[in-house]
Every structure is written in structure tokens, then in C-alpha cells.
Amino acid sequence: QMIIVGSYELGTIIIIESSISYLGL
């Protein structure tokens, strides 16, 4: 079940990382 959650969370984390970098932080 953790593999399912992790595969979904991976996309969310990439979005957040790009958003933080977009803001210069």
C-alpha cells in the first residue's frame, strides 16, 4: 500500500519543489 501512496506523492513533491524554486527559495 505504501508503494501506491508513494507513487502518488512523488508527483506532488515534484510540483512543490518546482513551486518553491519558481519563487526563488
PDBML (XML) file of the C-alpha atoms, coordinates in Angstrom:
<?xml version="1.0" encoding="UTF-8" ?>
<PDBx:datablock datablockName="MODEL"
   xmlns:PDBx="http://pdbml.pdb.org/schema/pdbx-v50.xsd"
   xmlns:xsi="http://www.w3.org/2001/XMLSchema-instance"
   xsi:schemaLocation="http://pdbml.pdb.org/schema/pdbx-v50.xsd pdbx-v50.xsd">
   <PDBx:atom_siteCategory>
      <PDBx:atom_site id="1">
         <PDBx:B_iso_or_equiv>0.00</PDBx:B_iso_or_equiv>
         <PDBx:Cartn_x>0.000</PDBx:Cartn_x>
         <PDBx:Cartn_y>0.000</PDBx:Cartn_y>
         <PDBx:Cartn_z>0.000</PDBx:Cartn_z>
         <PDBx:auth_asym_id>A</PDBx:auth_asym_id>
         <PDBx:auth_atom_id>CA</PDBx:auth_atom_id>
         <PDBx:auth_comp_id>GLN</PDBx:auth_comp_id>
         <PDBx:auth_seq_id>1</PDBx:auth_seq_id>
         <PDBx:group_PDB>ATOM</PDBx:group_PDB>
         <PDBx:label_alt_id xsi:nil="true" />
         <PDBx:label_asym_id>A</PDBx:label_asym_id>
         <PDBx:label_atom_id>CA</PDBx:label_atom_id>
         <PDBx:label_comp_id>GLN</PDBx:label_comp_id>
         <PDBx:label_entity_id>1</PDBx:label_entity_id>
         <PDBx:label_seq_id>1</PDBx:label_seq_id>
         <PDBx:occupancy>1.00</PDBx:occupancy>
         <PDBx:pdbx_PDB_model_num>1</PDBx:pdbx_PDB_model_num>
         <PDBx:type_symbol>C</PDBx:type_symbol>
      </PDBx:atom_site>
      <PDBx:atom_site id="2">
         <PDBx:B_iso_or_equiv>0.00</PDBx:B_iso_or_equiv>
         <PDBx:Cartn_x>2.918</PDBx:Cartn_x>
         <PDBx:Cartn_y>2.343</PDBx:Cartn_y>
         <PDBx:Cartn_z>0.649</PDBx:Cartn_z>
         <PDBx:auth_asym_id>A</PDBx:auth_asym_id>
         <PDBx:auth_atom_id>CA</PDBx:auth_atom_id>
         <PDBx:auth_comp_id>MET</PDBx:auth_comp_id>
         <PDBx:auth_seq_id>2</PDBx:auth_seq_id>
         <PDBx:group_PDB>ATOM</PDBx:group_PDB>
         <PDBx:label_alt_id xsi:nil="true" />
         <PDBx:label_asym_id>A</PDBx:label_asym_id>
         <PDBx:label_atom_id>CA</PDBx:label_atom_id>
         <PDBx:label_comp_id>MET</PDBx:label_comp_id>
         <PDBx:label_entity_id>1</PDBx:label_entity_id>
         <PDBx:label_seq_id>2</PDBx:label_seq_id>
         <PDBx:occupancy>1.00</PDBx:occupancy>
         <PDBx:pdbx_PDB_model_num>1</PDBx:pdbx_PDB_model_num>
         <PDBx:type_symbol>C</PDBx:type_symbol>
      </PDBx:atom_site>
      <PDBx:atom_site id="3">
         <PDBx:B_iso_or_equiv>0.00</PDBx:B_iso_or_equiv>
         <PDBx:Cartn_x>4.063</PDBx:Cartn_x>
         <PDBx:Cartn_y>1.896</PDBx:Cartn_y>
         <PDBx:Cartn_z>-2.953</PDBx:Cartn_z>
         <PDBx:auth_asym_id>A</PDBx:auth_asym_id>
         <PDBx:auth_atom_id>CA</PDBx:auth_atom_id>
         <PDBx:auth_comp_id>ILE</PDBx:auth_comp_id>
         <PDBx:auth_seq_id>3</PDBx:auth_seq_id>
         <PDBx:group_PDB>ATOM</PDBx:group_PDB>
         <PDBx:label_alt_id xsi:nil="true" />
         <PDBx:label_asym_id>A</PDBx:label_asym_id>
         <PDBx:label_atom_id>CA</PDBx:label_atom_id>
         <PDBx:label_comp_id>ILE</PDBx:label_comp_id>
         <PDBx:label_entity_id>1</PDBx:label_entity_id>
         <PDBx:label_seq_id>3</PDBx:label_seq_id>
         <PDBx:occupancy>1.00</PDBx:occupancy>
         <PDBx:pdbx_PDB_model_num>1</PDBx:pdbx_PDB_model_num>
         <PDBx:type_symbol>C</PDBx:type_symbol>
      </PDBx:atom_site>
      <PDBx:atom_site id="4">
         <PDBx:B_iso_or_equiv>0.00</PDBx:B_iso_or_equiv>
         <PDBx:Cartn_x>0.678</PDBx:Cartn_x>
         <PDBx:Cartn_y>3.189</PDBx:Cartn_y>
         <PDBx:Cartn_z>-4.101</PDBx:Cartn_z>
         <PDBx:auth_asym_id>A</PDBx:auth_asym_id>
         <PDBx:auth_atom_id>CA</PDBx:auth_atom_id>
         <PDBx:auth_comp_id>ILE</PDBx:auth_comp_id>
         <PDBx:auth_seq_id>4</PDBx:auth_seq_id>
         <PDBx:group_PDB>ATOM</PDBx:group_PDB>
         <PDBx:label_alt_id xsi:nil="true" />
         <PDBx:label_asym_id>A</PDBx:label_asym_id>
         <PDBx:label_atom_id>CA</PDBx:label_atom_id>
         <PDBx:label_comp_id>ILE</PDBx:label_comp_id>
         <PDBx:label_entity_id>1</PDBx:label_entity_id>
         <PDBx:label_seq_id>4</PDBx:label_seq_id>
         <PDBx:occupancy>1.00</PDBx:occupancy>
         <PDBx:pdbx_PDB_model_num>1</PDBx:pdbx_PDB_model_num>
         <PDBx:type_symbol>C</PDBx:type_symbol>
      </PDBx:atom_site>
      <PDBx:atom_site id="5">
         <PDBx:B_iso_or_equiv>0.00</PDBx:B_iso_or_equiv>
         <PDBx:Cartn_x>0.866</PDBx:Cartn_x>
         <PDBx:Cartn_y>6.194</PDBx:Cartn_y>
         <PDBx:Cartn_z>-1.772</PDBx:Cartn_z>
         <PDBx:auth_asym_id>A</PDBx:auth_asym_id>
         <PDBx:auth_atom_id>CA</PDBx:auth_atom_id>
         <PDBx:auth_comp_id>VAL</PDBx:auth_comp_id>
         <PDBx:auth_seq_id>5</PDBx:auth_seq_id>
         <PDBx:group_PDB>ATOM</PDBx:group_PDB>
         <PDBx:label_alt_id xsi:nil="true" />
         <PDBx:label_asym_id>A</PDBx:label_asym_id>
         <PDBx:label_atom_id>CA</PDBx:label_atom_id>
         <PDBx:label_comp_id>VAL</PDBx:label_comp_id>
         <PDBx:label_entity_id>1</PDBx:label_entity_id>
         <PDBx:label_seq_id>5</PDBx:label_seq_id>
         <PDBx:occupancy>1.00</PDBx:occupancy>
         <PDBx:pdbx_PDB_model_num>1</PDBx:pdbx_PDB_model_num>
         <PDBx:type_symbol>C</PDBx:type_symbol>
      </PDBx:atom_site>
      <PDBx:atom_site id="6">
         <PDBx:B_iso_or_equiv>0.00</PDBx:B_iso_or_equiv>
         <PDBx:Cartn_x>4.478</PDBx:Cartn_x>
         <PDBx:Cartn_y>6.858</PDBx:Cartn_y>
         <PDBx:Cartn_z>-2.759</PDBx:Cartn_z>
         <PDBx:auth_asym_id>A</PDBx:auth_asym_id>
         <PDBx:auth_atom_id>CA</PDBx:auth_atom_id>
         <PDBx:auth_comp_id>GLY</PDBx:auth_comp_id>
         <PDBx:auth_seq_id>6</PDBx:auth_seq_id>
         <PDBx:group_PDB>ATOM</PDBx:group_PDB>
         <PDBx:label_alt_id xsi:nil="true" />
         <PDBx:label_asym_id>A</PDBx:label_asym_id>
         <PDBx:label_atom_id>CA</PDBx:label_atom_id>
         <PDBx:label_comp_id>GLY</PDBx:label_comp_id>
         <PDBx:label_entity_id>1</PDBx:label_entity_id>
         <PDBx:label_seq_id>6</PDBx:label_seq_id>
         <PDBx:occupancy>1.00</PDBx:occupancy>
         <PDBx:pdbx_PDB_model_num>1</PDBx:pdbx_PDB_model_num>
         <PDBx:type_symbol>C</PDBx:type_symbol>
      </PDBx:atom_site>
      <PDBx:atom_site id="7">
         <PDBx:B_iso_or_equiv>0.00</PDBx:B_iso_or_equiv>
         <PDBx:Cartn_x>3.773</PDBx:Cartn_x>
         <PDBx:Cartn_y>6.819</PDBx:Cartn_y>
         <PDBx:Cartn_z>-6.489</PDBx:Cartn_z>
         <PDBx:auth_asym_id>A</PDBx:auth_asym_id>
         <PDBx:auth_atom_id>CA</PDBx:auth_atom_id>
         <PDBx:auth_comp_id>SER</PDBx:auth_comp_id>
         <PDBx:auth_seq_id>7</PDBx:auth_seq_id>
         <PDBx:group_PDB>ATOM</PDBx:group_PDB>
         <PDBx:label_alt_id xsi:nil="true" />
         <PDBx:label_asym_id>A</PDBx:label_asym_id>
         <PDBx:label_atom_id>CA</PDBx:label_atom_id>
         <PDBx:label_comp_id>SER</PDBx:label_comp_id>
         <PDBx:label_entity_id>1</PDBx:label_entity_id>
         <PDBx:label_seq_id>7</PDBx:label_seq_id>
         <PDBx:occupancy>1.00</PDBx:occupancy>
         <PDBx:pdbx_PDB_model_num>1</PDBx:pdbx_PDB_model_num>
         <PDBx:type_symbol>C</PDBx:type_symbol>
      </PDBx:atom_site>
      <PDBx:atom_site id="8">
         <PDBx:B_iso_or_equiv>0.00</PDBx:B_iso_or_equiv>
         <PDBx:Cartn_x>1.080</PDBx:Cartn_x>
         <PDBx:Cartn_y>9.434</PDBx:Cartn_y>
         <PDBx:Cartn_z>-5.965</PDBx:Cartn_z>
         <PDBx:auth_asym_id>A</PDBx:auth_asym_id>
         <PDBx:auth_atom_id>CA</PDBx:auth_atom_id>
         <PDBx:auth_comp_id>TYR</PDBx:auth_comp_id>
         <PDBx:auth_seq_id>8</PDBx:auth_seq_id>
         <PDBx:group_PDB>ATOM</PDBx:group_PDB>
         <PDBx:label_alt_id xsi:nil="true" />
         <PDBx:label_asym_id>A</PDBx:label_asym_id>
         <PDBx:label_atom_id>CA</PDBx:label_atom_id>
         <PDBx:label_comp_id>TYR</PDBx:label_comp_id>
         <PDBx:label_entity_id>1</PDBx:label_entity_id>
         <PDBx:label_seq_id>8</PDBx:label_seq_id>
         <PDBx:occupancy>1.00</PDBx:occupancy>
         <PDBx:pdbx_PDB_model_num>1</PDBx:pdbx_PDB_model_num>
         <PDBx:type_symbol>C</PDBx:type_symbol>
      </PDBx:atom_site>
      <PDBx:atom_site id="9">
         <PDBx:B_iso_or_equiv>0.00</PDBx:B_iso_or_equiv>
         <PDBx:Cartn_x>3.136</PDBx:Cartn_x>
         <PDBx:Cartn_y>11.551</PDBx:Cartn_y>
         <PDBx:Cartn_z>-3.567</PDBx:Cartn_z>
         <PDBx:auth_asym_id>A</PDBx:auth_asym_id>
         <PDBx:auth_atom_id>CA</PDBx:auth_atom_id>
         <PDBx:auth_comp_id>GLU</PDBx:auth_comp_id>
         <PDBx:auth_seq_id>9</PDBx:auth_seq_id>
         <PDBx:group_PDB>ATOM</PDBx:group_PDB>
         <PDBx:label_alt_id xsi:nil="true" />
         <PDBx:label_asym_id>A</PDBx:label_asym_id>
         <PDBx:label_atom_id>CA</PDBx:label_atom_id>
         <PDBx:label_comp_id>GLU</PDBx:label_comp_id>
         <PDBx:label_entity_id>1</PDBx:label_entity_id>
         <PDBx:label_seq_id>9</PDBx:label_seq_id>
         <PDBx:occupancy>1.00</PDBx:occupancy>
         <PDBx:pdbx_PDB_model_num>1</PDBx:pdbx_PDB_model_num>
         <PDBx:type_symbol>C</PDBx:type_symbol>
      </PDBx:atom_site>
      <PDBx:atom_site id="10">
         <PDBx:B_iso_or_equiv>0.00</PDBx:B_iso_or_equiv>
         <PDBx:Cartn_x>6.098</PDBx:Cartn_x>
         <PDBx:Cartn_y>11.631</PDBx:Cartn_y>
         <PDBx:Cartn_z>-5.969</PDBx:Cartn_z>
         <PDBx:auth_asym_id>A</PDBx:auth_asym_id>
         <PDBx:auth_atom_id>CA</PDBx:auth_atom_id>
         <PDBx:auth_comp_id>LEU</PDBx:auth_comp_id>
         <PDBx:auth_seq_id>10</PDBx:auth_seq_id>
         <PDBx:group_PDB>ATOM</PDBx:group_PDB>
         <PDBx:label_alt_id xsi:nil="true" />
         <PDBx:label_asym_id>A</PDBx:label_asym_id>
         <PDBx:label_atom_id>CA</PDBx:label_atom_id>
         <PDBx:label_comp_id>LEU</PDBx:label_comp_id>
         <PDBx:label_entity_id>1</PDBx:label_entity_id>
         <PDBx:label_seq_id>10</PDBx:label_seq_id>
         <PDBx:occupancy>1.00</PDBx:occupancy>
         <PDBx:pdbx_PDB_model_num>1</PDBx:pdbx_PDB_model_num>
         <PDBx:type_symbol>C</PDBx:type_symbol>
      </PDBx:atom_site>
      <PDBx:atom_site id="11">
         <PDBx:B_iso_or_equiv>0.00</PDBx:B_iso_or_equiv>
         <PDBx:Cartn_x>4.203</PDBx:Cartn_x>
         <PDBx:Cartn_y>13.825</PDBx:Cartn_y>
         <PDBx:Cartn_z>-8.420</PDBx:Cartn_z>
         <PDBx:auth_asym_id>A</PDBx:auth_asym_id>
         <PDBx:auth_atom_id>CA</PDBx:auth_atom_id>
         <PDBx:auth_comp_id>GLY</PDBx:auth_comp_id>
         <PDBx:auth_seq_id>11</PDBx:auth_seq_id>
         <PDBx:group_PDB>ATOM</PDBx:group_PDB>
         <PDBx:label_alt_id xsi:nil="true" />
         <PDBx:label_asym_id>A</PDBx:label_asym_id>
         <PDBx:label_atom_id>CA</PDBx:label_atom_id>
         <PDBx:label_comp_id>GLY</PDBx:label_comp_id>
         <PDBx:label_entity_id>1</PDBx:label_entity_id>
         <PDBx:label_seq_id>11</PDBx:label_seq_id>
         <PDBx:occupancy>1.00</PDBx:occupancy>
         <PDBx:pdbx_PDB_model_num>1</PDBx:pdbx_PDB_model_num>
         <PDBx:type_symbol>C</PDBx:type_symbol>
      </PDBx:atom_site>
      <PDBx:atom_site id="12">
         <PDBx:B_iso_or_equiv>0.00</PDBx:B_iso_or_equiv>
         <PDBx:Cartn_x>3.013</PDBx:Cartn_x>
         <PDBx:Cartn_y>16.097</PDBx:Cartn_y>
         <PDBx:Cartn_z>-5.609</PDBx:Cartn_z>
         <PDBx:auth_asym_id>A</PDBx:auth_asym_id>
         <PDBx:auth_atom_id>CA</PDBx:auth_atom_id>
         <PDBx:auth_comp_id>THR</PDBx:auth_comp_id>
         <PDBx:auth_seq_id>12</PDBx:auth_seq_id>
         <PDBx:group_PDB>ATOM</PDBx:group_PDB>
         <PDBx:label_alt_id xsi:nil="true" />
         <PDBx:label_asym_id>A</PDBx:label_asym_id>
         <PDBx:label_atom_id>CA</PDBx:label_atom_id>
         <PDBx:label_comp_id>THR</PDBx:label_comp_id>
         <PDBx:label_entity_id>1</PDBx:label_entity_id>
         <PDBx:label_seq_id>12</PDBx:label_seq_id>
         <PDBx:occupancy>1.00</PDBx:occupancy>
         <PDBx:pdbx_PDB_model_num>1</PDBx:pdbx_PDB_model_num>
         <PDBx:type_symbol>C</PDBx:type_symbol>
      </PDBx:atom_site>
      <PDBx:atom_site id="13">
         <PDBx:B_iso_or_equiv>0.00</PDBx:B_iso_or_equiv>
         <PDBx:Cartn_x>6.550</PDBx:Cartn_x>
         <PDBx:Cartn_y>16.554</PDBx:Cartn_y>
         <PDBx:Cartn_z>-4.284</PDBx:Cartn_z>
         <PDBx:auth_asym_id>A</PDBx:auth_asym_id>
         <PDBx:auth_atom_id>CA</PDBx:auth_atom_id>
         <PDBx:auth_comp_id>ILE</PDBx:auth_comp_id>
         <PDBx:auth_seq_id>13</PDBx:auth_seq_id>
         <PDBx:group_PDB>ATOM</PDBx:group_PDB>
         <PDBx:label_alt_id xsi:nil="true" />
         <PDBx:label_asym_id>A</PDBx:label_asym_id>
         <PDBx:label_atom_id>CA</PDBx:label_atom_id>
         <PDBx:label_comp_id>ILE</PDBx:label_comp_id>
         <PDBx:label_entity_id>1</PDBx:label_entity_id>
         <PDBx:label_seq_id>13</PDBx:label_seq_id>
         <PDBx:occupancy>1.00</PDBx:occupancy>
         <PDBx:pdbx_PDB_model_num>1</PDBx:pdbx_PDB_model_num>
         <PDBx:type_symbol>C</PDBx:type_symbol>
      </PDBx:atom_site>
      <PDBx:atom_site id="14">
         <PDBx:B_iso_or_equiv>0.00</PDBx:B_iso_or_equiv>
         <PDBx:Cartn_x>7.884</PDBx:Cartn_x>
         <PDBx:Cartn_y>17.401</PDBx:Cartn_y>
         <PDBx:Cartn_z>-7.755</PDBx:Cartn_z>
         <PDBx:auth_asym_id>A</PDBx:auth_asym_id>
         <PDBx:auth_atom_id>CA</PDBx:auth_atom_id>
         <PDBx:auth_comp_id>ILE</PDBx:auth_comp_id>
         <PDBx:auth_seq_id>14</PDBx:auth_seq_id>
         <PDBx:group_PDB>ATOM</PDBx:group_PDB>
         <PDBx:label_alt_id xsi:nil="true" />
         <PDBx:label_asym_id>A</PDBx:label_asym_id>
         <PDBx:label_atom_id>CA</PDBx:label_atom_id>
         <PDBx:label_comp_id>ILE</PDBx:label_comp_id>
         <PDBx:label_entity_id>1</PDBx:label_entity_id>
         <PDBx:label_seq_id>14</PDBx:label_seq_id>
         <PDBx:occupancy>1.00</PDBx:occupancy>
         <PDBx:pdbx_PDB_model_num>1</PDBx:pdbx_PDB_model_num>
         <PDBx:type_symbol>C</PDBx:type_symbol>
      </PDBx:atom_site>
      <PDBx:atom_site id="15">
         <PDBx:B_iso_or_equiv>0.00</PDBx:B_iso_or_equiv>
         <PDBx:Cartn_x>5.183</PDBx:Cartn_x>
         <PDBx:Cartn_y>20.078</PDBx:Cartn_y>
         <PDBx:Cartn_z>-8.081</PDBx:Cartn_z>
         <PDBx:auth_asym_id>A</PDBx:auth_asym_id>
         <PDBx:auth_atom_id>CA</PDBx:auth_atom_id>
         <PDBx:auth_comp_id>ILE</PDBx:auth_comp_id>
         <PDBx:auth_seq_id>15</PDBx:auth_seq_id>
         <PDBx:group_PDB>ATOM</PDBx:group_PDB>
         <PDBx:label_alt_id xsi:nil="true" />
         <PDBx:label_asym_id>A</PDBx:label_asym_id>
         <PDBx:label_atom_id>CA</PDBx:label_atom_id>
         <PDBx:label_comp_id>ILE</PDBx:label_comp_id>
         <PDBx:label_entity_id>1</PDBx:label_entity_id>
         <PDBx:label_seq_id>15</PDBx:label_seq_id>
         <PDBx:occupancy>1.00</PDBx:occupancy>
         <PDBx:pdbx_PDB_model_num>1</PDBx:pdbx_PDB_model_num>
         <PDBx:type_symbol>C</PDBx:type_symbol>
      </PDBx:atom_site>
      <PDBx:atom_site id="16">
         <PDBx:B_iso_or_equiv>0.00</PDBx:B_iso_or_equiv>
         <PDBx:Cartn_x>6.044</PDBx:Cartn_x>
         <PDBx:Cartn_y>21.531</PDBx:Cartn_y>
         <PDBx:Cartn_z>-4.673</PDBx:Cartn_z>
         <PDBx:auth_asym_id>A</PDBx:auth_asym_id>
         <PDBx:auth_atom_id>CA</PDBx:auth_atom_id>
         <PDBx:auth_comp_id>ILE</PDBx:auth_comp_id>
         <PDBx:auth_seq_id>16</PDBx:auth_seq_id>
         <PDBx:group_PDB>ATOM</PDBx:group_PDB>
         <PDBx:label_alt_id xsi:nil="true" />
         <PDBx:label_asym_id>A</PDBx:label_asym_id>
         <PDBx:label_atom_id>CA</PDBx:label_atom_id>
         <PDBx:label_comp_id>ILE</PDBx:label_comp_id>
         <PDBx:label_entity_id>1</PDBx:label_entity_id>
         <PDBx:label_seq_id>16</PDBx:label_seq_id>
         <PDBx:occupancy>1.00</PDBx:occupancy>
         <PDBx:pdbx_PDB_model_num>1</PDBx:pdbx_PDB_model_num>
         <PDBx:type_symbol>C</PDBx:type_symbol>
      </PDBx:atom_site>
      <PDBx:atom_site id="17">
         <PDBx:B_iso_or_equiv>0.00</PDBx:B_iso_or_equiv>
         <PDBx:Cartn_x>9.787</PDBx:Cartn_x>
         <PDBx:Cartn_y>21.540</PDBx:Cartn_y>
         <PDBx:Cartn_z>-5.420</PDBx:Cartn_z>
         <PDBx:auth_asym_id>A</PDBx:auth_asym_id>
         <PDBx:auth_atom_id>CA</PDBx:auth_atom_id>
         <PDBx:auth_comp_id>GLU</PDBx:auth_comp_id>
         <PDBx:auth_seq_id>17</PDBx:auth_seq_id>
         <PDBx:group_PDB>ATOM</PDBx:group_PDB>
         <PDBx:label_alt_id xsi:nil="true" />
         <PDBx:label_asym_id>A</PDBx:label_asym_id>
         <PDBx:label_atom_id>CA</PDBx:label_atom_id>
         <PDBx:label_comp_id>GLU</PDBx:label_comp_id>
         <PDBx:label_entity_id>1</PDBx:label_entity_id>
         <PDBx:label_seq_id>17</PDBx:label_seq_id>
         <PDBx:occupancy>1.00</PDBx:occupancy>
         <PDBx:pdbx_PDB_model_num>1</PDBx:pdbx_PDB_model_num>
         <PDBx:type_symbol>C</PDBx:type_symbol>
      </PDBx:atom_site>
      <PDBx:atom_site id="18">
         <PDBx:B_iso_or_equiv>0.00</PDBx:B_iso_or_equiv>
         <PDBx:Cartn_x>9.189</PDBx:Cartn_x>
         <PDBx:Cartn_y>23.337</PDBx:Cartn_y>
         <PDBx:Cartn_z>-8.710</PDBx:Cartn_z>
         <PDBx:auth_asym_id>A</PDBx:auth_asym_id>
         <PDBx:auth_atom_id>CA</PDBx:auth_atom_id>
         <PDBx:auth_comp_id>SER</PDBx:auth_comp_id>
         <PDBx:auth_seq_id>18</PDBx:auth_seq_id>
         <PDBx:group_PDB>ATOM</PDBx:group_PDB>
         <PDBx:label_alt_id xsi:nil="true" />
         <PDBx:label_asym_id>A</PDBx:label_asym_id>
         <PDBx:label_atom_id>CA</PDBx:label_atom_id>
         <PDBx:label_comp_id>SER</PDBx:label_comp_id>
         <PDBx:label_entity_id>1</PDBx:label_entity_id>
         <PDBx:label_seq_id>18</PDBx:label_seq_id>
         <PDBx:occupancy>1.00</PDBx:occupancy>
         <PDBx:pdbx_PDB_model_num>1</PDBx:pdbx_PDB_model_num>
         <PDBx:type_symbol>C</PDBx:type_symbol>
      </PDBx:atom_site>
      <PDBx:atom_site id="19">
         <PDBx:B_iso_or_equiv>0.00</PDBx:B_iso_or_equiv>
         <PDBx:Cartn_x>6.883</PDBx:Cartn_x>
         <PDBx:Cartn_y>25.840</PDBx:Cartn_y>
         <PDBx:Cartn_z>-6.997</PDBx:Cartn_z>
         <PDBx:auth_asym_id>A</PDBx:auth_asym_id>
         <PDBx:auth_atom_id>CA</PDBx:auth_atom_id>
         <PDBx:auth_comp_id>SER</PDBx:auth_comp_id>
         <PDBx:auth_seq_id>19</PDBx:auth_seq_id>
         <PDBx:group_PDB>ATOM</PDBx:group_PDB>
         <PDBx:label_alt_id xsi:nil="true" />
         <PDBx:label_asym_id>A</PDBx:label_asym_id>
         <PDBx:label_atom_id>CA</PDBx:label_atom_id>
         <PDBx:label_comp_id>SER</PDBx:label_comp_id>
         <PDBx:label_entity_id>1</PDBx:label_entity_id>
         <PDBx:label_seq_id>19</PDBx:label_seq_id>
         <PDBx:occupancy>1.00</PDBx:occupancy>
         <PDBx:pdbx_PDB_model_num>1</PDBx:pdbx_PDB_model_num>
         <PDBx:type_symbol>C</PDBx:type_symbol>
      </PDBx:atom_site>
      <PDBx:atom_site id="20">
         <PDBx:B_iso_or_equiv>0.00</PDBx:B_iso_or_equiv>
         <PDBx:Cartn_x>9.454</PDBx:Cartn_x>
         <PDBx:Cartn_y>26.610</PDBx:Cartn_y>
         <PDBx:Cartn_z>-4.306</PDBx:Cartn_z>
         <PDBx:auth_asym_id>A</PDBx:auth_asym_id>
         <PDBx:auth_atom_id>CA</PDBx:auth_atom_id>
         <PDBx:auth_comp_id>ILE</PDBx:auth_comp_id>
         <PDBx:auth_seq_id>20</PDBx:auth_seq_id>
         <PDBx:group_PDB>ATOM</PDBx:group_PDB>
         <PDBx:label_alt_id xsi:nil="true" />
         <PDBx:label_asym_id>A</PDBx:label_asym_id>
         <PDBx:label_atom_id>CA</PDBx:label_atom_id>
         <PDBx:label_comp_id>ILE</PDBx:label_comp_id>
         <PDBx:label_entity_id>1</PDBx:label_entity_id>
         <PDBx:label_seq_id>20</PDBx:label_seq_id>
         <PDBx:occupancy>1.00</PDBx:occupancy>
         <PDBx:pdbx_PDB_model_num>1</PDBx:pdbx_PDB_model_num>
         <PDBx:type_symbol>C</PDBx:type_symbol>
      </PDBx:atom_site>
      <PDBx:atom_site id="21">
         <PDBx:B_iso_or_equiv>0.00</PDBx:B_iso_or_equiv>
         <PDBx:Cartn_x>12.189</PDBx:Cartn_x>
         <PDBx:Cartn_y>27.011</PDBx:Cartn_y>
         <PDBx:Cartn_z>-6.936</PDBx:Cartn_z>
         <PDBx:auth_asym_id>A</PDBx:auth_asym_id>
         <PDBx:auth_atom_id>CA</PDBx:auth_atom_id>
         <PDBx:auth_comp_id>SER</PDBx:auth_comp_id>
         <PDBx:auth_seq_id>21</PDBx:auth_seq_id>
         <PDBx:group_PDB>ATOM</PDBx:group_PDB>
         <PDBx:label_alt_id xsi:nil="true" />
         <PDBx:label_asym_id>A</PDBx:label_asym_id>
         <PDBx:label_atom_id>CA</PDBx:label_atom_id>
         <PDBx:label_comp_id>SER</PDBx:label_comp_id>
         <PDBx:label_entity_id>1</PDBx:label_entity_id>
         <PDBx:label_seq_id>21</PDBx:label_seq_id>
         <PDBx:occupancy>1.00</PDBx:occupancy>
         <PDBx:pdbx_PDB_model_num>1</PDBx:pdbx_PDB_model_num>
         <PDBx:type_symbol>C</PDBx:type_symbol>
      </PDBx:atom_site>
      <PDBx:atom_site id="22">
         <PDBx:B_iso_or_equiv>0.00</PDBx:B_iso_or_equiv>
         <PDBx:Cartn_x>9.872</PDBx:Cartn_x>
         <PDBx:Cartn_y>29.185</PDBx:Cartn_y>
         <PDBx:Cartn_z>-9.024</PDBx:Cartn_z>
         <PDBx:auth_asym_id>A</PDBx:auth_asym_id>
         <PDBx:auth_atom_id>CA</PDBx:auth_atom_id>
         <PDBx:auth_comp_id>TYR</PDBx:auth_comp_id>
         <PDBx:auth_seq_id>22</PDBx:auth_seq_id>
         <PDBx:group_PDB>ATOM</PDBx:group_PDB>
         <PDBx:label_alt_id xsi:nil="true" />
         <PDBx:label_asym_id>A</PDBx:label_asym_id>
         <PDBx:label_atom_id>CA</PDBx:label_atom_id>
         <PDBx:label_comp_id>TYR</PDBx:label_comp_id>
         <PDBx:label_entity_id>1</PDBx:label_entity_id>
         <PDBx:label_seq_id>22</PDBx:label_seq_id>
         <PDBx:occupancy>1.00</PDBx:occupancy>
         <PDBx:pdbx_PDB_model_num>1</PDBx:pdbx_PDB_model_num>
         <PDBx:type_symbol>C</PDBx:type_symbol>
      </PDBx:atom_site>
      <PDBx:atom_site id="23">
         <PDBx:B_iso_or_equiv>0.00</PDBx:B_iso_or_equiv>
         <PDBx:Cartn_x>9.595</PDBx:Cartn_x>
         <PDBx:Cartn_y>31.546</PDBx:Cartn_y>
         <PDBx:Cartn_z>-6.043</PDBx:Cartn_z>
         <PDBx:auth_asym_id>A</PDBx:auth_asym_id>
         <PDBx:auth_atom_id>CA</PDBx:auth_atom_id>
         <PDBx:auth_comp_id>LEU</PDBx:auth_comp_id>
         <PDBx:auth_seq_id>23</PDBx:auth_seq_id>
         <PDBx:group_PDB>ATOM</PDBx:group_PDB>
         <PDBx:label_alt_id xsi:nil="true" />
         <PDBx:label_asym_id>A</PDBx:label_asym_id>
         <PDBx:label_atom_id>CA</PDBx:label_atom_id>
         <PDBx:label_comp_id>LEU</PDBx:label_comp_id>
         <PDBx:label_entity_id>1</PDBx:label_entity_id>
         <PDBx:label_seq_id>23</PDBx:label_seq_id>
         <PDBx:occupancy>1.00</PDBx:occupancy>
         <PDBx:pdbx_PDB_model_num>1</PDBx:pdbx_PDB_model_num>
         <PDBx:type_symbol>C</PDBx:type_symbol>
      </PDBx:atom_site>
      <PDBx:atom_site id="24">
         <PDBx:B_iso_or_equiv>0.00</PDBx:B_iso_or_equiv>
         <PDBx:Cartn_x>13.392</PDBx:Cartn_x>
         <PDBx:Cartn_y>31.638</PDBx:Cartn_y>
         <PDBx:Cartn_z>-5.722</PDBx:Cartn_z>
         <PDBx:auth_asym_id>A</PDBx:auth_asym_id>
         <PDBx:auth_atom_id>CA</PDBx:auth_atom_id>
         <PDBx:auth_comp_id>GLY</PDBx:auth_comp_id>
         <PDBx:auth_seq_id>24</PDBx:auth_seq_id>
         <PDBx:group_PDB>ATOM</PDBx:group_PDB>
         <PDBx:label_alt_id xsi:nil="true" />
         <PDBx:label_asym_id>A</PDBx:label_asym_id>
         <PDBx:label_atom_id>CA</PDBx:label_atom_id>
         <PDBx:label_comp_id>GLY</PDBx:label_comp_id>
         <PDBx:label_entity_id>1</PDBx:label_entity_id>
         <PDBx:label_seq_id>24</PDBx:label_seq_id>
         <PDBx:occupancy>1.00</PDBx:occupancy>
         <PDBx:pdbx_PDB_model_num>1</PDBx:pdbx_PDB_model_num>
         <PDBx:type_symbol>C</PDBx:type_symbol>
      </PDBx:atom_site>
      <PDBx:atom_site id="25">
         <PDBx:B_iso_or_equiv>0.00</PDBx:B_iso_or_equiv>
         <PDBx:Cartn_x>13.517</PDBx:Cartn_x>
         <PDBx:Cartn_y>29.704</PDBx:Cartn_y>
         <PDBx:Cartn_z>-2.425</PDBx:Cartn_z>
         <PDBx:auth_asym_id>A</PDBx:auth_asym_id>
         <PDBx:auth_atom_id>CA</PDBx:auth_atom_id>
         <PDBx:auth_comp_id>LEU</PDBx:auth_comp_id>
         <PDBx:auth_seq_id>25</PDBx:auth_seq_id>
         <PDBx:group_PDB>ATOM</PDBx:group_PDB>
         <PDBx:label_alt_id xsi:nil="true" />
         <PDBx:label_asym_id>A</PDBx:label_asym_id>
         <PDBx:label_atom_id>CA</PDBx:label_atom_id>
         <PDBx:label_comp_id>LEU</PDBx:label_comp_id>
         <PDBx:label_entity_id>1</PDBx:label_entity_id>
         <PDBx:label_seq_id>25</PDBx:label_seq_id>
         <PDBx:occupancy>1.00</PDBx:occupancy>
         <PDBx:pdbx_PDB_model_num>1</PDBx:pdbx_PDB_model_num>
         <PDBx:type_symbol>C</PDBx:type_symbol>
      </PDBx:atom_site>
   </PDBx:atom_siteCategory>
</PDBx:datablock>
